[in-house]
Amino acid sequence: MLDQIKRMAARGDVVVSVHAIERMRDRKVKGRDLFSAIASATNAAYQAERDNWKVTGGIDADGDDLTLIVAIKANLIIVTIF
């Protein structure tokens, strides 16, 4: 599933939730950081209770760890970051 997440991000098929935008502001994360973290991620674990994926092992554009929670619908929906 990680490959599909990376492909969707590479195509720009991404929607960022309002909640994720708020977390981005709080943590001073830019859009390029999201794409960098997805491109460099090493794992995507399915969270059945929430029907989403925890994307880990990625780093942002500055080299800092960045974890994303994403949902896969028609687009890749970035639910939150940390």
Protein backbone atom coordinates (compact mmCIF):
# COMPACT_ATOMS: atom_id res chain seq x y z
CA MET A 1 0.00 0.00 0.00
CA LEU A 2 2.95 2.32 0.59
CA ASP A 3 3.69 2.24 -3.15
CA GLN A 4 0.13 3.33 -3.94
CA ILE A 5 0.35 6.17 -1.40
CA LYS A 6 3.63 7.32 -2.96
CA ARG A 7 2.18 7.14 -6.49
CA MET A 8 -0.89 9.16 -5.52
CA ALA A 9 1.30 11.82 -3.89
CA ALA A 10 3.65 11.93 -6.89
CA ARG A 11 0.66 12.52 -9.19
CA GLY A 12 -0.59 15.30 -6.91
CA ASP A 13 -3.79 13.40 -6.06
CA VAL A 14 -3.70 14.83 -2.53
CA VAL A 15 -6.21 16.64 -0.34
CA VAL A 16 -5.06 18.08 2.99
CA SER A 17 -7.73 18.10 5.71
CA VAL A 18 -8.47 21.23 7.73
CA HIS A 19 -7.14 19.43 10.80
CA ALA A 20 -3.87 18.61 9.03
CA ILE A 21 -3.53 22.23 7.89
CA GLU A 22 -3.91 23.34 11.52
CA ARG A 23 -1.23 20.85 12.63
CA MET A 24 1.02 22.06 9.79
CA ARG A 25 0.72 25.64 11.06
CA ASP A 26 1.39 24.53 14.65
CA ARG A 27 4.50 22.59 13.63
CA LYS A 28 5.68 24.95 10.87
CA VAL A 29 5.39 22.19 8.26
CA LYS A 30 5.14 23.21 4.60
CA GLY A 31 3.54 21.38 1.70
CA ARG A 32 6.93 20.29 0.38
CA ASP A 33 7.56 18.62 3.75
CA LEU A 34 4.46 16.44 3.30
CA PHE A 35 5.62 15.27 -0.13
CA SER A 36 9.17 14.69 1.11
CA ALA A 37 7.94 12.61 4.04
CA ILE A 38 5.71 10.50 1.81
CA ALA A 39 8.44 9.98 -0.80
CA SER A 40 10.95 8.88 1.85
CA ALA A 41 8.53 6.86 4.02
CA THR A 42 9.44 3.27 4.76
CA ASN A 43 6.17 1.91 6.16
CA ALA A 44 2.41 2.28 5.92
CA ALA A 45 0.41 0.49 8.62
CA TYR A 46 -3.34 0.08 8.25
CA GLN A 47 -5.40 1.29 11.21
CA ALA A 48 -8.65 -0.65 10.84
CA GLU A 49 -10.47 1.16 13.66
CA ARG A 50 -10.10 4.43 11.73
CA ASP A 51 -9.91 3.04 8.18
CA ASN A 52 -6.71 4.96 7.49
CA TRP A 53 -2.97 4.46 7.15
CA LYS A 54 -0.12 5.57 9.42
CA VAL A 55 2.80 6.49 7.17
CA THR A 56 6.12 6.37 9.02
CA GLY A 57 9.85 6.42 8.42
CA GLY A 58 9.72 9.57 6.29
CA ILE A 59 11.64 12.79 6.71
CA ASP A 60 10.62 16.32 5.81
CA ALA A 61 12.61 18.68 3.59
CA ASP A 62 14.82 19.63 6.56
CA GLY A 63 15.61 16.02 7.45
CA ASP A 64 13.27 15.83 10.47
CA ASP A 65 11.02 12.82 11.06
CA LEU A 66 7.43 13.38 9.95
CA THR A 67 4.59 10.88 10.38
CA LEU A 68 1.33 11.24 8.47
CA ILE A 69 -2.09 9.71 8.86
CA VAL A 70 -3.72 9.33 5.45
CA ALA A 71 -6.96 7.97 4.06
CA ILE A 72 -7.23 6.56 0.57
CA LYS A 73 -10.39 7.56 -1.26
CA ALA A 74 -10.59 9.07 -4.76
CA ASN A 75 -7.62 11.15 -3.58
CA LEU A 76 -5.00 10.66 -0.91
CA ILE A 77 -6.40 12.54 2.08
CA ILE A 78 -3.86 13.74 4.63
CA VAL A 79 -5.79 13.52 7.89
CA THR A 80 -3.11 14.70 10.32
CA ILE A 81 0.64 14.90 10.84
CA PHE A 82 3.01 14.57 13.77
